All heavy atoms as atom14 arrays in JSON, in Angstrom:
{
  "sequence": "GGSLRLSCAASGFSLNAMVWYLQAPGKQRELVAA",
  "atom14_mask": [
    [1, 1, 1, 1, 0, 0, 0, 0, 0, 0, 0, 0, 0, 0],
    [1, 1, 1, 1, 0, 0, 0, 0, 0, 0, 0, 0, 0, 0],
    [1, 1, 1, 1, 1, 1, 0, 0, 0, 0, 0, 0, 0, 0],
    [1, 1, 1, 1, 1, 1, 1, 1, 0, 0, 0, 0, 0, 0],
    [1, 1, 1, 1, 1, 1, 1, 1, 1, 1, 1, 0, 0, 0],
    [1, 1, 1, 1, 1, 1, 1, 1, 0, 0, 0, 0, 0, 0],
    [1, 1, 1, 1, 1, 1, 0, 0, 0, 0, 0, 0, 0, 0],
    [1, 1, 1, 1, 1, 1, 0, 0, 0, 0, 0, 0, 0, 0],
    [1, 1, 1, 1, 1, 0, 0, 0, 0, 0, 0, 0, 0, 0],
    [1, 1, 1, 1, 1, 0, 0, 0, 0, 0, 0, 0, 0, 0],
    [1, 1, 1, 1, 1, 1, 0, 0, 0, 0, 0, 0, 0, 0],
    [1, 1, 1, 1, 0, 0, 0, 0, 0, 0, 0, 0, 0, 0],
    [1, 1, 1, 1, 1, 1, 1, 1, 1, 1, 1, 0, 0, 0],
    [1, 1, 1, 1, 1, 1, 0, 0, 0, 0, 0, 0, 0, 0],
    [1, 1, 1, 1, 1, 1, 1, 1, 0, 0, 0, 0, 0, 0],
    [1, 1, 1, 1, 1, 1, 1, 1, 0, 0, 0, 0, 0, 0],
    [1, 1, 1, 1, 1, 0, 0, 0, 0, 0, 0, 0, 0, 0],
    [1, 1, 1, 1, 1, 1, 1, 1, 0, 0, 0, 0, 0, 0],
    [1, 1, 1, 1, 1, 1, 1, 0, 0, 0, 0, 0, 0, 0],
    [1, 1, 1, 1, 1, 1, 1, 1, 1, 1, 1, 1, 1, 1],
    [1, 1, 1, 1, 1, 1, 1, 1, 1, 1, 1, 1, 0, 0],
    [1, 1, 1, 1, 1, 1, 1, 1, 0, 0, 0, 0, 0, 0],
    [1, 1, 1, 1, 1, 1, 1, 1, 1, 0, 0, 0, 0, 0],
    [1, 1, 1, 1, 1, 0, 0, 0, 0, 0, 0, 0, 0, 0],
    [1, 1, 1, 1, 1, 1, 1, 0, 0, 0, 0, 0, 0, 0],
    [1, 1, 1, 1, 0, 0, 0, 0, 0, 0, 0, 0, 0, 0],
    [1, 1, 1, 1, 1, 1, 1, 1, 1, 0, 0, 0, 0, 0],
    [1, 1, 1, 1, 1, 1, 1, 1, 1, 0, 0, 0, 0, 0],
    [1, 1, 1, 1, 1, 1, 1, 1, 1, 1, 1, 0, 0, 0],
    [1, 1, 1, 1, 1, 1, 1, 1, 1, 0, 0, 0, 0, 0],
    [1, 1, 1, 1, 1, 1, 1, 1, 0, 0, 0, 0, 0, 0],
    [1, 1, 1, 1, 1, 1, 1, 0, 0, 0, 0, 0, 0, 0],
    [1, 1, 1, 1, 1, 0, 0, 0, 0, 0, 0, 0, 0, 0],
    [1, 1, 1, 1, 1, 0, 0, 0, 0, 0, 0, 0, 0, 0]
  ],
  "atom14_positions": [
    [[65.7, 113.8, 113.69], [65.1, 114.47, 112.55], [65.43, 115.93, 112.45], [65.16, 116.57, 111.42], [0.0, 0.0, 0.0], [0.0, 0.0, 0.0], [0.0, 0.0, 0.0], [0.0, 0.0, 0.0], [0.0, 0.0, 0.0], [0.0, 0.0, 0.0], [0.0, 0.0, 0.0], [0.0, 0.0, 0.0], [0.0, 0.0, 0.0], [0.0, 0.0, 0.0]],
    [[66.03, 116.47, 113.5], [66.38, 117.88, 113.51], [67.66, 118.18, 112.77], [68.28, 117.29, 112.16], [0.0, 0.0, 0.0], [0.0, 0.0, 0.0], [0.0, 0.0, 0.0], [0.0, 0.0, 0.0], [0.0, 0.0, 0.0], [0.0, 0.0, 0.0], [0.0, 0.0, 0.0], [0.0, 0.0, 0.0], [0.0, 0.0, 0.0], [0.0, 0.0, 0.0]],
    [[68.07, 119.45, 112.81], [69.26, 119.91, 112.09], [70.13, 120.79, 112.98], [69.63, 121.43, 113.92], [68.85, 120.72, 110.85], [68.06, 119.95, 109.98], [0.0, 0.0, 0.0], [0.0, 0.0, 0.0], [0.0, 0.0, 0.0], [0.0, 0.0, 0.0], [0.0, 0.0, 0.0], [0.0, 0.0, 0.0], [0.0, 0.0, 0.0], [0.0, 0.0, 0.0]],
    [[71.4, 120.82, 112.66], [72.34, 121.72, 113.33], [73.37, 122.17, 112.31], [73.67, 121.45, 111.35], [73.07, 121.01, 114.47], [72.35, 120.74, 115.78], [73.22, 119.89, 116.69], [71.99, 122.05, 116.46], [0.0, 0.0, 0.0], [0.0, 0.0, 0.0], [0.0, 0.0, 0.0], [0.0, 0.0, 0.0], [0.0, 0.0, 0.0], [0.0, 0.0, 0.0]],
    [[73.95, 123.34, 112.55], [75.09, 123.77, 111.75], [76.25, 124.05, 112.71], [76.15, 124.93, 113.57], [74.8, 125.02, 110.93], [75.95, 125.31, 109.95], [75.68, 126.47, 109.02], [75.89, 127.75, 109.67], [76.17, 128.88, 109.0], [76.28, 128.85, 107.68], [76.32, 130.01, 109.66], [0.0, 0.0, 0.0], [0.0, 0.0, 0.0], [0.0, 0.0, 0.0]],
    [[77.3, 123.27, 112.54], [78.5, 123.42, 113.36], [79.47, 124.34, 112.64], [79.59, 124.32, 111.42], [79.15, 122.06, 113.6], [78.23, 120.95, 114.12], [79.03, 119.67, 114.34], [77.53, 121.38, 115.39], [0.0, 0.0, 0.0], [0.0, 0.0, 0.0], [0.0, 0.0, 0.0], [0.0, 0.0, 0.0], [0.0, 0.0, 0.0], [0.0, 0.0, 0.0]],
    [[80.18, 125.15, 113.44], [81.17, 126.07, 112.89], [82.54, 125.77, 113.46], [82.67, 125.32, 114.61], [80.81, 127.52, 113.24], [79.55, 127.87, 112.71], [0.0, 0.0, 0.0], [0.0, 0.0, 0.0], [0.0, 0.0, 0.0], [0.0, 0.0, 0.0], [0.0, 0.0, 0.0], [0.0, 0.0, 0.0], [0.0, 0.0, 0.0], [0.0, 0.0, 0.0]],
    [[83.56, 126.02, 112.66], [84.95, 125.87, 113.09], [85.7, 127.1, 112.62], [85.95, 127.26, 111.42], [85.55, 124.61, 112.5], [87.3, 124.37, 112.88], [0.0, 0.0, 0.0], [0.0, 0.0, 0.0], [0.0, 0.0, 0.0], [0.0, 0.0, 0.0], [0.0, 0.0, 0.0], [0.0, 0.0, 0.0], [0.0, 0.0, 0.0], [0.0, 0.0, 0.0]],
    [[86.02, 127.98, 113.55], [86.68, 129.24, 113.23], [88.16, 129.18, 113.57], [88.53, 128.81, 114.68], [86.02, 130.38, 113.99], [0.0, 0.0, 0.0], [0.0, 0.0, 0.0], [0.0, 0.0, 0.0], [0.0, 0.0, 0.0], [0.0, 0.0, 0.0], [0.0, 0.0, 0.0], [0.0, 0.0, 0.0], [0.0, 0.0, 0.0], [0.0, 0.0, 0.0]],
    [[88.99, 129.55, 112.6], [90.43, 129.59, 112.8], [90.87, 131.01, 113.13], [90.36, 131.97, 112.53], [91.16, 129.1, 111.56], [0.0, 0.0, 0.0], [0.0, 0.0, 0.0], [0.0, 0.0, 0.0], [0.0, 0.0, 0.0], [0.0, 0.0, 0.0], [0.0, 0.0, 0.0], [0.0, 0.0, 0.0], [0.0, 0.0, 0.0], [0.0, 0.0, 0.0]],
    [[91.78, 131.14, 114.06], [92.36, 132.45, 114.36], [93.87, 132.3, 114.44], [94.38, 131.29, 114.91], [91.8, 133.0, 115.67], [92.1, 132.13, 116.75], [0.0, 0.0, 0.0], [0.0, 0.0, 0.0], [0.0, 0.0, 0.0], [0.0, 0.0, 0.0], [0.0, 0.0, 0.0], [0.0, 0.0, 0.0], [0.0, 0.0, 0.0], [0.0, 0.0, 0.0]],
    [[94.57, 133.3, 113.95], [96.03, 133.28, 114.0], [96.68, 132.64, 112.78], [97.9, 132.67, 112.65], [0.0, 0.0, 0.0], [0.0, 0.0, 0.0], [0.0, 0.0, 0.0], [0.0, 0.0, 0.0], [0.0, 0.0, 0.0], [0.0, 0.0, 0.0], [0.0, 0.0, 0.0], [0.0, 0.0, 0.0], [0.0, 0.0, 0.0], [0.0, 0.0, 0.0]],
    [[95.87, 132.07, 111.9], [96.38, 131.49, 110.65], [95.22, 131.35, 109.68], [94.06, 131.38, 110.07], [97.04, 130.13, 110.9], [96.1, 129.07, 111.4], [95.51, 128.17, 110.52], [95.78, 128.96, 112.75], [94.64, 127.19, 110.96], [94.91, 127.98, 113.2], [94.34, 127.1, 112.31], [0.0, 0.0, 0.0], [0.0, 0.0, 0.0], [0.0, 0.0, 0.0]],
    [[95.55, 131.19, 108.39], [94.51, 131.0, 107.38], [94.1, 129.54, 107.33], [94.95, 128.64, 107.33], [95.03, 131.44, 106.01], [95.29, 132.82, 106.0], [0.0, 0.0, 0.0], [0.0, 0.0, 0.0], [0.0, 0.0, 0.0], [0.0, 0.0, 0.0], [0.0, 0.0, 0.0], [0.0, 0.0, 0.0], [0.0, 0.0, 0.0], [0.0, 0.0, 0.0]],
    [[92.8, 129.33, 107.27], [92.28, 127.98, 107.27], [92.66, 127.26, 105.97], [92.42, 127.77, 104.88], [90.76, 128.03, 107.41], [90.03, 126.74, 107.75], [90.46, 126.22, 109.1], [88.53, 126.97, 107.73], [0.0, 0.0, 0.0], [0.0, 0.0, 0.0], [0.0, 0.0, 0.0], [0.0, 0.0, 0.0], [0.0, 0.0, 0.0], [0.0, 0.0, 0.0]],
    [[93.27, 126.09, 106.11], [93.61, 125.28, 104.94], [92.54, 124.2, 104.76], [91.38, 124.42, 105.08], [94.99, 124.66, 105.14], [96.09, 125.71, 105.13], [96.06, 126.64, 104.33], [97.05, 125.58, 106.03], [0.0, 0.0, 0.0], [0.0, 0.0, 0.0], [0.0, 0.0, 0.0], [0.0, 0.0, 0.0], [0.0, 0.0, 0.0], [0.0, 0.0, 0.0]],
    [[92.92, 123.05, 104.24], [91.98, 121.93, 104.2], [91.56, 121.6, 105.62], [92.37, 121.71, 106.56], [92.64, 120.72, 103.56], [0.0, 0.0, 0.0], [0.0, 0.0, 0.0], [0.0, 0.0, 0.0], [0.0, 0.0, 0.0], [0.0, 0.0, 0.0], [0.0, 0.0, 0.0], [0.0, 0.0, 0.0], [0.0, 0.0, 0.0], [0.0, 0.0, 0.0]],
    [[90.33, 121.23, 105.79], [89.81, 121.03, 107.14], [88.99, 119.75, 107.2], [88.33, 119.39, 106.24], [88.96, 122.23, 107.54], [88.91, 122.5, 109.02], [87.75, 121.41, 109.82], [86.24, 122.02, 109.14], [0.0, 0.0, 0.0], [0.0, 0.0, 0.0], [0.0, 0.0, 0.0], [0.0, 0.0, 0.0], [0.0, 0.0, 0.0], [0.0, 0.0, 0.0]],
    [[89.03, 119.1, 108.35], [88.37, 117.81, 108.54], [87.51, 117.87, 109.79], [87.91, 118.45, 110.8], [89.41, 116.68, 108.68], [88.7, 115.34, 108.81], [90.35, 116.65, 107.49], [0.0, 0.0, 0.0], [0.0, 0.0, 0.0], [0.0, 0.0, 0.0], [0.0, 0.0, 0.0], [0.0, 0.0, 0.0], [0.0, 0.0, 0.0], [0.0, 0.0, 0.0]],
    [[86.32, 117.27, 109.7], [85.45, 117.11, 110.87], [85.47, 115.65, 111.3], [85.36, 114.74, 110.47], [84.01, 117.5, 110.55], [83.75, 118.96, 110.48], [83.71, 119.75, 109.37], [83.46, 119.83, 111.58], [83.42, 121.05, 109.71], [83.25, 121.12, 111.07], [83.34, 119.64, 112.97], [82.94, 122.22, 111.87], [83.03, 120.72, 113.76], [82.84, 122.0, 113.21]],
    [[85.56, 115.44, 112.62], [85.49, 114.12, 113.22], [84.34, 114.08, 114.22], [83.99, 115.08, 114.82], [86.78, 113.79, 113.99], [87.99, 113.53, 113.13], [88.74, 114.58, 112.62], [88.4, 112.23, 112.86], [89.86, 114.34, 111.85], [89.53, 111.99, 112.09], [90.25, 113.05, 111.6], [91.37, 112.81, 110.84], [0.0, 0.0, 0.0], [0.0, 0.0, 0.0]],
    [[83.81, 112.88, 114.42], [82.84, 112.62, 115.48], [83.44, 111.6, 116.45], [83.93, 110.55, 116.02], [81.54, 112.05, 114.91], [80.58, 111.39, 115.91], [80.1, 112.42, 116.94], [79.42, 110.75, 115.2], [0.0, 0.0, 0.0], [0.0, 0.0, 0.0], [0.0, 0.0, 0.0], [0.0, 0.0, 0.0], [0.0, 0.0, 0.0], [0.0, 0.0, 0.0]],
    [[83.39, 111.95, 117.72], [83.73, 110.97, 118.75], [82.47, 110.63, 119.51], [82.01, 111.42, 120.36], [84.81, 111.49, 119.7], [85.28, 110.43, 120.67], [86.61, 110.74, 121.3], [87.07, 111.89, 121.33], [87.28, 109.73, 121.83], [0.0, 0.0, 0.0], [0.0, 0.0, 0.0], [0.0, 0.0, 0.0], [0.0, 0.0, 0.0], [0.0, 0.0, 0.0]],
    [[81.88, 109.51, 119.17], [80.67, 109.06, 119.84], [81.04, 108.51, 121.23], [82.19, 108.11, 121.44], [79.97, 108.0, 119.02], [0.0, 0.0, 0.0], [0.0, 0.0, 0.0], [0.0, 0.0, 0.0], [0.0, 0.0, 0.0], [0.0, 0.0, 0.0], [0.0, 0.0, 0.0], [0.0, 0.0, 0.0], [0.0, 0.0, 0.0], [0.0, 0.0, 0.0]],
    [[80.1, 108.49, 122.15], [80.4, 108.0, 123.5], [81.0, 106.59, 123.48], [80.43, 105.68, 122.88], [79.04, 108.01, 124.18], [78.27, 109.07, 123.47], [78.73, 108.99, 122.04], [0.0, 0.0, 0.0], [0.0, 0.0, 0.0], [0.0, 0.0, 0.0], [0.0, 0.0, 0.0], [0.0, 0.0, 0.0], [0.0, 0.0, 0.0], [0.0, 0.0, 0.0]],
    [[82.16, 106.44, 124.13], [82.81, 105.14, 124.21], [83.5, 104.68, 122.95], [83.97, 103.53, 122.9], [0.0, 0.0, 0.0], [0.0, 0.0, 0.0], [0.0, 0.0, 0.0], [0.0, 0.0, 0.0], [0.0, 0.0, 0.0], [0.0, 0.0, 0.0], [0.0, 0.0, 0.0], [0.0, 0.0, 0.0], [0.0, 0.0, 0.0], [0.0, 0.0, 0.0]],
    [[83.6, 105.54, 121.94], [84.21, 105.14, 120.67], [85.36, 106.06, 120.3], [85.51, 107.14, 120.87], [83.15, 105.15, 119.56], [82.04, 104.15, 119.75], [81.12, 104.13, 118.56], [80.03, 103.1, 118.72], [79.12, 103.06, 117.52], [0.0, 0.0, 0.0], [0.0, 0.0, 0.0], [0.0, 0.0, 0.0], [0.0, 0.0, 0.0], [0.0, 0.0, 0.0]],
    [[86.16, 105.63, 119.34], [87.24, 106.46, 118.86], [86.7, 107.52, 117.91], [85.6, 107.41, 117.36], [88.27, 105.6, 118.13], [89.02, 104.64, 119.04], [90.11, 103.89, 118.31], [90.02, 103.68, 117.11], [91.15, 103.49, 119.03], [0.0, 0.0, 0.0], [0.0, 0.0, 0.0], [0.0, 0.0, 0.0], [0.0, 0.0, 0.0], [0.0, 0.0, 0.0]],
    [[87.5, 108.54, 117.69], [87.11, 109.57, 116.74], [87.07, 108.99, 115.34], [87.97, 108.27, 114.92], [88.11, 110.74, 116.77], [88.04, 111.54, 118.04], [88.98, 112.72, 118.02], [89.1, 113.29, 119.36], [89.78, 114.38, 119.66], [90.43, 115.03, 118.72], [89.83, 114.8, 120.9], [0.0, 0.0, 0.0], [0.0, 0.0, 0.0], [0.0, 0.0, 0.0]],
    [[86.02, 109.34, 114.61], [85.86, 108.87, 113.25], [85.68, 110.06, 112.32], [84.99, 111.03, 112.65], [84.65, 107.94, 113.13], [84.81, 106.63, 113.89], [83.64, 105.7, 113.66], [82.59, 106.17, 113.18], [83.75, 104.5, 113.98], [0.0, 0.0, 0.0], [0.0, 0.0, 0.0], [0.0, 0.0, 0.0], [0.0, 0.0, 0.0], [0.0, 0.0, 0.0]],
    [[86.27, 109.94, 111.15], [86.16, 110.98, 110.14], [84.72, 111.07, 109.65], [84.08, 110.04, 109.39], [87.09, 110.68, 108.98], [87.12, 111.66, 107.82], [87.64, 113.0, 108.29], [87.99, 111.11, 106.7], [0.0, 0.0, 0.0], [0.0, 0.0, 0.0], [0.0, 0.0, 0.0], [0.0, 0.0, 0.0], [0.0, 0.0, 0.0], [0.0, 0.0, 0.0]],
    [[84.21, 112.28, 109.55], [82.84, 112.51, 109.09], [82.82, 113.2, 107.74], [82.09, 112.8, 106.83], [82.06, 113.35, 110.13], [80.69, 113.72, 109.6], [81.95, 112.61, 111.45], [0.0, 0.0, 0.0], [0.0, 0.0, 0.0], [0.0, 0.0, 0.0], [0.0, 0.0, 0.0], [0.0, 0.0, 0.0], [0.0, 0.0, 0.0], [0.0, 0.0, 0.0]],
    [[83.61, 114.25, 107.62], [83.61, 115.03, 106.39], [84.9, 115.82, 106.3], [85.56, 116.07, 107.32], [82.41, 115.97, 106.34], [0.0, 0.0, 0.0], [0.0, 0.0, 0.0], [0.0, 0.0, 0.0], [0.0, 0.0, 0.0], [0.0, 0.0, 0.0], [0.0, 0.0, 0.0], [0.0, 0.0, 0.0], [0.0, 0.0, 0.0], [0.0, 0.0, 0.0]],
    [[85.24, 116.23, 105.08], [86.44, 117.02, 104.87], [86.19, 118.01, 103.74], [85.32, 117.79, 102.89], [87.62, 116.13, 104.52], [0.0, 0.0, 0.0], [0.0, 0.0, 0.0], [0.0, 0.0, 0.0], [0.0, 0.0, 0.0], [0.0, 0.0, 0.0], [0.0, 0.0, 0.0], [0.0, 0.0, 0.0], [0.0, 0.0, 0.0], [0.0, 0.0, 0.0]]
  ]
}
């Protein structure tokens, strides 16, 4: 029920389109948002 805000900071280049993945325990990475 809680909340979190994750950040992804780019350095050395300008951030283009970006994708977030979740890798749950024992599972492959899955696309979450873009």
